[in-house]
Protein backbone atom coordinates (compact mmCIF):
# COMPACT_ATOMS: atom_id res chain seq x y z
CA MET A 1 52.01 49.75 -83.69
CA VAL A 2 49.13 51.85 -85.00
CA HIS A 3 49.69 55.58 -84.88
CA GLY A 4 47.51 58.58 -84.02
CA ASP A 5 43.82 58.56 -83.23
CA GLN A 6 43.20 54.98 -84.33
CA ASP A 7 45.44 53.76 -81.57
CA THR A 8 43.97 56.33 -79.16
CA ARG A 9 40.43 55.00 -79.59
CA ALA A 10 41.73 51.51 -78.77
CA ARG A 11 43.13 52.56 -75.40
CA GLY A 12 41.58 53.58 -72.08
CA THR A 13 40.04 50.13 -71.55
CA ILE A 14 40.72 47.36 -69.09
CA GLU A 15 42.43 45.36 -71.80
CA SER A 16 44.46 48.29 -73.03
CA PRO A 17 44.82 51.03 -70.41
CA TRP A 18 46.50 54.36 -70.98
CA ARG A 19 50.18 54.00 -70.18
CA ILE A 20 51.47 56.89 -68.10
CA GLY A 21 55.26 57.29 -68.15
CA THR A 22 56.85 58.52 -64.89
CA ARG A 23 60.09 58.49 -63.09
CA GLY A 24 60.36 56.02 -60.27
CA SER A 25 60.85 58.29 -57.26
CA LEU A 26 58.17 58.55 -54.55
CA LEU A 27 57.47 62.18 -55.60
CA ALA A 28 57.22 61.39 -59.32
CA LEU A 29 55.04 58.38 -58.69
CA THR A 30 52.76 60.36 -56.38
CA GLN A 31 52.40 63.12 -59.09
CA ALA A 32 51.73 60.69 -61.89
CA GLY A 33 49.37 58.79 -59.65
CA THR A 34 47.12 61.82 -59.30
CA VAL A 35 46.76 61.90 -63.10
CA ARG A 36 46.05 58.20 -63.21
CA ASP A 37 43.44 58.42 -60.50
CA THR A 38 41.75 61.37 -62.21
CA LEU A 39 41.54 59.46 -65.51
CA ILE A 40 40.17 56.40 -63.69
CA ALA A 41 37.50 58.50 -61.95
CA ALA A 42 36.44 59.79 -65.38
CA GLY A 43 35.96 56.23 -66.61
CA GLN A 44 39.29 55.74 -68.26
CA HIS A 45 41.64 52.92 -67.40
CA ALA A 46 45.26 53.86 -66.84
CA GLU A 47 48.49 52.47 -65.36
CA LEU A 48 51.89 53.83 -64.45
CA VAL A 49 55.06 52.88 -66.43
CA ILE A 50 58.39 53.70 -64.65
CA VAL A 51 61.04 55.14 -66.89
CA LYS A 52 64.66 55.69 -65.78
CA THR A 53 66.00 59.19 -66.73
CA ALA A 54 69.51 60.56 -66.99
CA GLY A 55 68.95 62.44 -63.71
CA ASP A 56 68.12 59.12 -61.98
CA LYS A 57 71.12 57.23 -63.42
CA SER A 58 73.88 59.84 -62.96
CA SER A 59 75.44 61.30 -59.76
CA ASP A 60 76.82 64.24 -61.73
CA PRO A 61 75.55 67.79 -61.08
CA VAL A 62 72.51 68.61 -63.12
CA GLU A 63 74.43 71.30 -65.10
CA LYS A 64 76.94 68.65 -66.26
CA ILE A 65 74.29 66.17 -67.44
CA GLY A 66 72.51 68.68 -69.70
CA VAL A 67 69.12 70.16 -70.39
CA GLY A 68 66.08 67.95 -69.78
CA VAL A 69 67.86 65.45 -67.54
CA PHE A 70 64.55 64.44 -65.92
CA THR A 71 62.39 64.65 -68.98
CA ALA A 72 64.23 63.49 -72.11
CA ALA A 73 63.90 59.74 -71.42
CA LEU A 74 60.15 60.13 -70.79
CA ARG A 75 59.77 61.93 -74.11
CA GLU A 76 61.80 59.28 -75.89
CA GLU A 77 59.37 56.63 -74.58
CA LEU A 78 56.40 58.83 -75.60
CA ALA A 79 57.81 59.21 -79.13
CA ALA A 80 58.41 55.47 -79.38
CA GLN A 81 54.82 54.88 -78.28
CA THR A 82 55.74 52.68 -75.35
CA VAL A 83 53.82 55.13 -73.21
CA ASP A 84 50.82 57.29 -74.13
CA ILE A 85 51.20 60.10 -71.53
CA ALA A 86 54.16 61.62 -69.70
CA VAL A 87 53.84 63.44 -66.39
CA HIS A 88 56.57 65.98 -65.73
CA SER A 89 57.47 68.46 -63.03
CA TYR A 90 56.89 71.42 -65.39
CA LYS A 91 59.94 73.23 -64.17
CA ASP A 92 62.20 70.36 -65.46
CA LEU A 93 60.97 70.71 -69.11
CA PRO A 94 63.29 72.61 -71.52
CA THR A 95 61.70 75.91 -72.56
CA ALA A 96 62.16 75.16 -76.28
CA PRO A 97 58.94 73.61 -77.69
CA ASP A 98 59.04 70.10 -79.13
CA GLU A 99 56.52 69.81 -81.98
CA ARG A 100 56.20 66.02 -81.54
CA PHE A 101 54.23 66.60 -78.30
CA THR A 102 51.59 68.74 -76.79
CA ILE A 103 51.09 69.76 -73.20
CA ALA A 104 47.51 68.52 -72.98
CA ALA A 105 46.98 69.60 -69.43
CA VAL A 106 48.50 71.79 -66.75
CA PRO A 107 46.56 70.73 -63.58
CA PRO A 108 45.92 73.15 -60.67
CA ARG A 109 49.24 74.18 -59.22
CA GLU A 110 50.41 73.14 -55.78
CA ASP A 111 51.89 75.88 -53.50
CA PRO A 112 54.85 77.22 -55.53
CA ARG A 113 56.84 78.49 -52.56
CA ASP A 114 60.10 77.13 -51.23
CA ALA A 115 60.09 75.54 -47.78
CA LEU A 116 62.57 75.56 -44.92
CA VAL A 117 63.14 72.34 -43.00
CA ALA A 118 65.27 73.38 -40.01
CA ARG A 119 66.47 71.79 -36.74
CA ASP A 120 64.63 72.61 -33.53
CA GLY A 121 61.66 74.06 -35.44
CA LEU A 122 63.63 77.23 -36.25
CA VAL A 123 62.60 79.73 -38.96
CA LEU A 124 65.14 81.31 -41.24
CA GLY A 125 65.67 84.47 -39.20
CA GLU A 126 66.24 82.41 -36.05
CA LEU A 127 69.14 80.38 -37.44
CA PRO A 128 72.38 81.52 -35.83
CA ALA A 129 75.22 82.89 -37.89
CA GLY A 130 77.32 80.11 -39.28
CA SER A 131 74.43 77.72 -39.69
CA VAL A 132 74.76 75.34 -42.60
CA ILE A 133 71.91 75.16 -45.10
CA GLY A 134 71.72 72.59 -47.92
CA THR A 135 70.02 73.22 -51.25
CA SER A 136 70.19 71.68 -54.76
CA ALA A 137 69.46 74.90 -56.69
CA PRO A 138 71.77 77.80 -57.52
CA ARG A 139 68.63 79.99 -57.46
CA ARG A 140 67.98 79.14 -53.84
CA ALA A 141 71.70 79.43 -52.91
CA ALA A 142 71.93 82.86 -54.48
CA GLN A 143 68.89 84.24 -52.77
CA LEU A 144 69.81 82.74 -49.38
CA ARG A 145 73.24 84.36 -49.51
CA ALA A 146 71.64 87.69 -50.59
CA LEU A 147 69.63 87.79 -47.32
CA GLY A 148 72.87 88.54 -45.46
CA LEU A 149 72.14 86.20 -42.53
CA GLY A 150 75.71 84.98 -42.13
CA ILE A 151 74.74 81.43 -43.03
CA GLU A 152 76.77 78.89 -45.03
CA VAL A 153 75.01 77.44 -48.08
CA VAL A 154 76.22 74.01 -49.27
CA PRO A 155 75.21 71.94 -52.33
CA LEU A 156 72.83 69.03 -51.74
CA ARG A 157 71.32 66.23 -53.77
CA GLY A 158 69.34 63.17 -52.92
CA ASN A 159 65.60 62.51 -52.51
CA LEU A 160 63.41 64.34 -50.04
CA ASP A 161 63.80 61.77 -47.30
CA THR A 162 67.58 61.91 -47.63
CA ARG A 163 67.57 65.68 -47.31
CA MET A 164 65.30 65.71 -44.30
CA ARG A 165 67.38 63.03 -42.62
CA LYS A 166 70.52 65.13 -43.01
CA VAL A 167 68.78 67.75 -40.77
CA ALA A 168 67.39 65.21 -38.27
CA GLU A 169 70.81 63.70 -37.84
CA GLY A 170 72.57 67.02 -37.42
CA GLU A 171 74.62 66.89 -40.55
CA LEU A 172 72.89 70.15 -41.67
CA ASP A 173 71.08 72.83 -39.71
CA ALA A 174 68.48 73.19 -42.41
CA VAL A 175 67.56 72.44 -46.07
CA VAL A 176 65.45 74.42 -48.49
CA VAL A 177 63.22 72.40 -50.91
CA ALA A 178 60.02 72.98 -52.95
CA ARG A 179 57.06 73.01 -50.65
CA ALA A 180 55.00 71.32 -53.40
CA GLY A 181 57.11 68.18 -53.15
CA LEU A 182 56.54 67.86 -49.36
CA VAL A 183 52.87 68.48 -49.80
CA ARG A 184 52.58 65.73 -52.43
CA ILE A 185 54.36 63.05 -50.36
CA GLY A 186 52.39 64.05 -47.22
CA ARG A 187 55.33 65.53 -45.20
CA THR A 188 54.23 69.05 -44.52
CA ASP A 189 54.85 68.29 -40.80
CA VAL A 190 58.61 68.82 -41.26
CA ILE A 191 58.21 72.37 -42.69
CA THR A 192 59.41 75.00 -40.21
CA GLU A 193 58.78 77.96 -42.52
CA SER A 194 57.23 78.53 -45.96
CA LEU A 195 59.40 81.17 -47.61
CA GLU A 196 57.43 84.04 -49.07
CA PRO A 197 58.34 85.26 -52.60
CA VAL A 198 59.72 88.49 -51.10
CA GLN A 199 62.37 86.44 -49.49
CA MET A 200 62.84 83.82 -52.19
CA LEU A 201 61.27 83.80 -55.66
CA PRO A 202 60.47 80.21 -56.66
CA ALA A 203 61.71 78.61 -59.88
CA PRO A 204 59.62 79.25 -62.95
CA ALA A 205 56.74 76.64 -62.98
CA GLN A 206 57.62 75.32 -59.51
CA GLY A 207 54.66 73.33 -58.10
CA ALA A 208 53.12 72.82 -61.52
CA LEU A 209 52.78 69.55 -63.53
CA ALA A 210 52.88 69.16 -67.26
CA VAL A 211 50.72 66.32 -68.69
CA GLU A 212 52.08 65.57 -72.10
CA CYS A 213 51.00 63.37 -75.04
CA ARG A 214 51.88 62.94 -78.71
CA ALA A 215 50.76 65.81 -80.88
CA GLU A 216 48.80 63.49 -83.22
CA ASP A 217 46.82 61.90 -80.32
CA THR A 218 44.11 64.52 -80.53
CA GLU A 219 41.38 62.39 -78.90
CA LEU A 220 43.66 61.65 -75.91
CA ALA A 221 44.53 65.36 -75.66
CA THR A 222 40.87 66.15 -75.46
CA ILE A 223 40.41 63.58 -72.68
CA LEU A 224 43.34 65.03 -70.76
CA SER A 225 42.20 68.59 -71.24
CA ALA A 226 39.62 68.00 -68.48
CA LEU A 227 42.63 68.09 -66.08
CA ASP A 228 43.73 71.58 -67.30
CA ASP A 229 43.54 74.63 -65.13
CA PRO A 230 43.68 77.84 -67.32
CA GLY A 231 44.99 80.06 -64.49
CA THR A 232 47.95 77.70 -63.80
CA ARG A 233 48.58 77.32 -67.55
CA ALA A 234 48.74 81.12 -68.04
CA ALA A 235 50.94 81.65 -64.93
CA VAL A 236 53.42 78.95 -66.06
CA ALA A 237 53.46 80.34 -69.61
CA ALA A 238 54.47 83.72 -68.34
CA GLU A 239 57.14 82.36 -66.01
CA ARG A 240 58.68 80.08 -68.68
CA ALA A 241 58.61 82.76 -71.31
CA LEU A 242 60.55 85.01 -68.98
CA LEU A 243 63.10 82.17 -68.47
CA ALA A 244 63.35 81.60 -72.26
CA GLU A 245 63.79 85.23 -73.09
CA LEU A 246 66.64 85.48 -70.54
CA GLU A 247 68.18 82.41 -72.36
CA ALA A 248 68.63 80.86 -69.00
CA GLY A 249 68.27 77.14 -68.16
CA CYS A 250 66.23 75.63 -65.31
CA THR A 251 69.38 75.56 -63.04
CA ALA A 252 70.12 79.26 -63.51
CA PRO A 253 69.71 81.67 -60.54
CA VAL A 254 66.39 82.98 -61.90
CA GLY A 255 63.13 83.18 -60.02
CA ALA A 256 59.62 83.96 -61.32
CA LEU A 257 56.12 83.80 -59.99
CA ALA A 258 52.89 84.70 -61.72
CA GLU A 259 49.56 84.83 -59.88
CA VAL A 260 45.97 85.51 -61.02
CA VAL A 261 44.71 88.64 -59.30
CA GLU A 262 41.43 90.55 -59.44
CA SER A 263 41.22 94.19 -60.36
CA LEU A 264 38.60 96.69 -61.56
CA ASP A 265 38.34 97.77 -65.20
CA ASP A 266 37.39 101.28 -66.30
CA ASP A 267 33.68 100.42 -65.92
CA GLY A 268 34.16 99.18 -62.40
CA ARG A 269 33.78 95.48 -63.26
CA VAL A 270 35.93 92.88 -61.61
CA VAL A 271 38.42 91.34 -64.08
CA GLU A 272 41.20 88.78 -63.70
CA GLU A 273 44.76 89.77 -64.50
CA LEU A 274 48.16 88.17 -64.19
CA SER A 275 50.67 89.59 -61.75
CA LEU A 276 54.20 88.51 -62.58
CA ARG A 277 57.32 88.91 -60.48
CA GLY A 278 60.72 87.95 -61.80
CA GLY A 279 64.37 88.18 -60.64
CA ALA A 280 67.93 87.13 -61.21
CA ALA A 281 70.71 86.93 -58.65
CA ALA A 282 74.46 86.67 -58.48
CA ILE A 283 75.39 83.24 -57.18
CA ASP A 284 77.45 84.77 -54.32
CA GLY A 285 74.43 86.86 -53.26
CA SER A 286 76.18 90.14 -53.92
CA ASP A 287 73.43 91.45 -56.24
CA VAL A 288 69.79 90.69 -56.88
CA ILE A 289 67.70 92.26 -59.60
CA ARG A 290 63.81 92.11 -59.38
CA ALA A 291 60.96 93.63 -61.36
CA SER A 292 57.27 93.08 -61.70
CA VAL A 293 54.44 93.69 -64.16
CA VAL A 294 50.71 93.09 -64.38
CA GLY A 295 48.77 92.25 -67.61
CA SER A 296 46.20 90.14 -69.35
CA LEU A 297 46.07 86.35 -68.94
CA ALA A 298 45.54 86.09 -72.69
CA ASN A 299 48.95 87.72 -73.21
CA ALA A 300 50.82 85.66 -70.56
CA ALA A 301 53.82 84.71 -72.67
CA GLU A 302 54.36 88.24 -73.91
CA LEU A 303 54.05 89.48 -70.35
CA GLY A 304 56.93 87.14 -69.40
CA ARG A 305 59.03 88.20 -72.35
CA SER A 306 58.59 91.89 -71.54
CA LEU A 307 59.51 91.49 -67.94
CA ALA A 308 62.65 89.55 -69.05
CA ARG A 309 63.56 92.43 -71.25
CA GLU A 310 63.23 94.79 -68.36
CA LEU A 311 65.42 92.56 -66.20
CA LEU A 312 68.08 92.53 -68.95
CA GLU A 313 67.98 96.28 -69.14
CA LEU A 314 68.59 96.32 -65.37
CA GLY A 315 71.66 94.20 -65.76
CA ALA A 316 70.44 90.55 -65.40
CA ARG A 317 72.71 89.43 -68.24
CA ASP A 318 75.83 90.11 -66.27
CA LEU A 319 74.56 88.18 -63.30
CA LEU A 320 73.54 85.15 -65.36
CA SER A 321 76.80 85.09 -67.34
CA ALA A 322 79.02 85.07 -64.21
CA PRO A 323 81.44 82.07 -64.26
CA SER A 324 80.57 81.25 -60.62
CA VAL A 325 76.99 80.13 -61.41
CA GLY A 326 78.05 76.48 -61.10
CA ALA A 327 79.77 77.04 -57.75
CA ALA A 328 76.70 76.05 -55.77
CA VAL A 329 76.64 72.51 -57.21
CA ASP A 330 78.59 69.68 -55.62
CA SER A 331 81.15 67.81 -57.71
CA ASN A 332 80.05 64.44 -56.23
CA PRO A 333 76.39 64.49 -55.33
CA SER A 334 73.93 61.66 -55.02
CA PRO A 335 71.08 61.09 -57.50
CA MET A 336 68.33 63.66 -57.16
CA GLU A 337 64.64 63.06 -56.71
CA ASN A 338 62.75 65.22 -59.15
CA ASN A 339 64.98 68.16 -58.33
CA PRO A 340 62.70 69.18 -55.39
């Protein structure tokens, strides 16, 4: 197969469409489909190619499978040139860069908040003591316990439909999932409460997509760059830099949220800045450490690193190194759909 730009120029036609690698879940297909549809609208031909990942094949907890359980197989296909583009849930990508690839686009972010799906239309504060809430993420479990509501938090895997069905059938009183996933599959009707960051900080990069191609495919990267949203890219850069500086993986009880805000400079002009909140929690909910910072969008990554250092000074390392971090993960779950 021809490498680099020569191959790039040959693609994007009816005879040789761009091949977009994606996982086979409804959520992943929906996410990749938005990229395909945008390319088609721009006059490029594209098709989806389903790739099985370790996270799809294994029923083990994510922590046991390893880093990049939902992304490594897609990257292998990208490197082998069996696909031209990979669409990831950005929060599933390892924080360490891979020089073989480039994140050509970070499209506008979907709502990054977590969402409660509860029986009888209840919000979190209305759930009676002893209610059982399911979640896949130690981050969510830790923050739920820290609220002191007297609820029981249990591990949960399975696709979004499976999780919602457990509530509908009375197996669970509620589940907490990423709101973005429900938005993308058109199921916002089941949301009983969108959890504000003051209650629950989302995962770094939650709600954002990463559109990746091979580093040498510069013409394709230019085409894909039309999908990029600079504000989302800066926010995600800050959040992931915080996670990397903490040396914590995507399953650690770490939350972060960066948002573009407007402020006035010394001359009274309106300028855009990045407001970043970050936190770490003990998995049993006994302690939560939070901090925030505001800075330049141009220095997003350093903003994240500086806030991580502040969290470490406040004691985050002790919370993240606690041996009980894996306690919120089931020993025999079902395969997960894009870790929603």
